[in-house]
Amino acid sequence: MMVDVHPASLLLSLVVGFVAGLAYFGGLWWTAKRVTKVKAALPLLAGSFIFRIALLLAVLYLVARGEPAPLVASLVGVWLARKASIAYVERGSNSNGRAEIRD
């Protein structure tokens, strides 16, 4: 059975995946910046992970609509957001290769 996939729909799935990925990795960055400033890090780490993964999975589920092509396009968007996030963090790296965490 051949599924009719429109390029505009795939592009929208890619963009939605990219935005969801930016939210996921942005939340990870926010958590990493604050984990050393709280007394109990475990609730922050666990809560952040649960919230970020639930949001990402919900978005991927809604975008996929039971079809593999939009899911793959949105996962490519998440992957591109990961690459963009790494590039952003590496721009802030100091000379020893470790990322600086700034407020």
Protein backbone atom coordinates (compact mmCIF):
# COMPACT_ATOMS: atom_id res chain seq x y z
CA MET A 1 0.00 0.00 0.00
CA MET A 2 1.51 3.31 -1.09
CA VAL A 3 0.97 6.32 1.15
CA ASP A 4 0.63 9.71 -0.53
CA VAL A 5 3.10 12.02 1.21
CA HIS A 6 3.21 15.71 0.38
CA PRO A 7 6.56 17.52 0.56
CA ALA A 8 4.98 20.43 2.45
CA SER A 9 3.73 18.02 5.10
CA LEU A 10 7.21 16.52 5.47
CA LEU A 11 8.77 19.97 5.70
CA LEU A 12 6.29 20.93 8.41
CA SER A 13 7.11 17.70 10.28
CA LEU A 14 10.81 18.49 10.00
CA VAL A 15 10.31 22.02 11.38
CA VAL A 16 8.12 20.78 14.23
CA GLY A 17 10.73 18.15 15.08
CA PHE A 18 13.46 20.80 15.02
CA VAL A 19 11.52 23.07 17.40
CA ALA A 20 10.72 20.14 19.70
CA GLY A 21 14.40 19.16 19.64
CA LEU A 22 15.44 22.71 20.51
CA ALA A 23 13.03 22.62 23.44
CA TYR A 24 14.44 19.25 24.57
CA PHE A 25 18.10 20.22 24.31
CA GLY A 26 17.42 23.73 25.59
CA GLY A 27 15.82 22.17 28.66
CA LEU A 28 18.83 19.92 29.06
CA TRP A 29 21.14 22.95 28.89
CA TRP A 30 18.97 24.82 31.42
CA THR A 31 19.11 21.83 33.77
CA ALA A 32 22.88 21.48 33.41
CA LYS A 33 23.35 25.15 34.29
CA ARG A 34 21.29 24.86 37.45
CA VAL A 35 22.15 21.40 38.79
CA THR A 36 25.18 22.67 40.72
CA LYS A 37 23.15 25.48 42.31
CA VAL A 38 20.49 23.37 44.02
CA LYS A 39 20.79 21.36 47.21
CA ALA A 40 18.91 18.32 45.88
CA ALA A 41 19.97 17.66 42.31
CA LEU A 42 18.11 14.38 41.82
CA PRO A 43 14.59 15.87 41.78
CA LEU A 44 15.73 18.52 39.31
CA LEU A 45 17.43 15.98 37.04
CA ALA A 46 14.57 13.47 37.20
CA GLY A 47 11.84 16.07 36.80
CA SER A 48 13.61 17.73 33.91
CA PHE A 49 14.16 14.44 32.11
CA ILE A 50 10.57 13.28 32.59
CA PHE A 51 9.17 16.61 31.40
CA ARG A 52 11.51 16.86 28.39
CA ILE A 53 11.00 13.27 27.21
CA ALA A 54 7.23 13.42 27.73
CA LEU A 55 7.01 16.64 25.71
CA LEU A 56 9.21 15.26 22.92
CA LEU A 57 7.35 11.94 22.70
CA ALA A 58 3.97 13.70 22.69
CA VAL A 59 5.06 15.95 19.83
CA LEU A 60 6.47 13.02 17.85
CA TYR A 61 3.27 11.03 18.41
CA LEU A 62 1.08 13.90 17.25
CA VAL A 63 3.25 14.65 14.21
CA ALA A 64 3.46 11.01 13.09
CA ARG A 65 -0.32 10.48 12.87
CA GLY A 66 0.41 6.77 12.53
CA GLU A 67 2.55 7.23 9.42
CA PRO A 68 6.28 6.55 9.20
CA ALA A 69 7.26 9.38 6.81
CA PRO A 70 6.24 12.30 9.08
CA LEU A 71 7.82 10.52 12.05
CA VAL A 72 11.11 10.12 10.20
CA ALA A 73 11.01 13.77 9.07
CA SER A 74 10.40 14.97 12.63
CA LEU A 75 13.20 12.74 13.95
CA VAL A 76 15.52 14.28 11.37
CA GLY A 77 14.43 17.67 12.74
CA VAL A 78 15.31 16.55 16.29
CA TRP A 79 18.68 15.33 15.04
CA LEU A 80 19.32 18.69 13.35
CA ALA A 81 18.36 20.46 16.59
CA ARG A 82 20.88 18.28 18.42
CA LYS A 83 23.59 19.23 15.93
CA ALA A 84 22.67 22.92 16.26
CA SER A 85 22.69 22.69 20.07
CA ILE A 86 26.12 21.04 20.09
CA ALA A 87 27.47 23.71 17.74
CA TYR A 88 26.04 26.43 20.00
CA VAL A 89 27.65 24.92 23.11
CA GLU A 90 30.97 24.33 21.37
CA ARG A 91 31.14 28.01 20.40
CA GLY A 92 31.18 28.76 24.13
CA SER A 93 33.90 26.20 24.87
CA ASN A 94 37.12 27.36 26.44
CA SER A 95 40.61 26.29 25.42
CA ASN A 96 40.58 22.95 27.26
CA GLY A 97 37.54 21.76 25.26
CA ARG A 98 35.05 21.92 28.09
CA ALA A 99 31.94 23.97 27.70
CA GLU A 100 31.65 26.98 29.91
CA ILE A 101 28.36 27.29 31.74
CA ARG A 102 27.32 30.90 31.86
CA ASP A 103 24.28 32.49 33.45
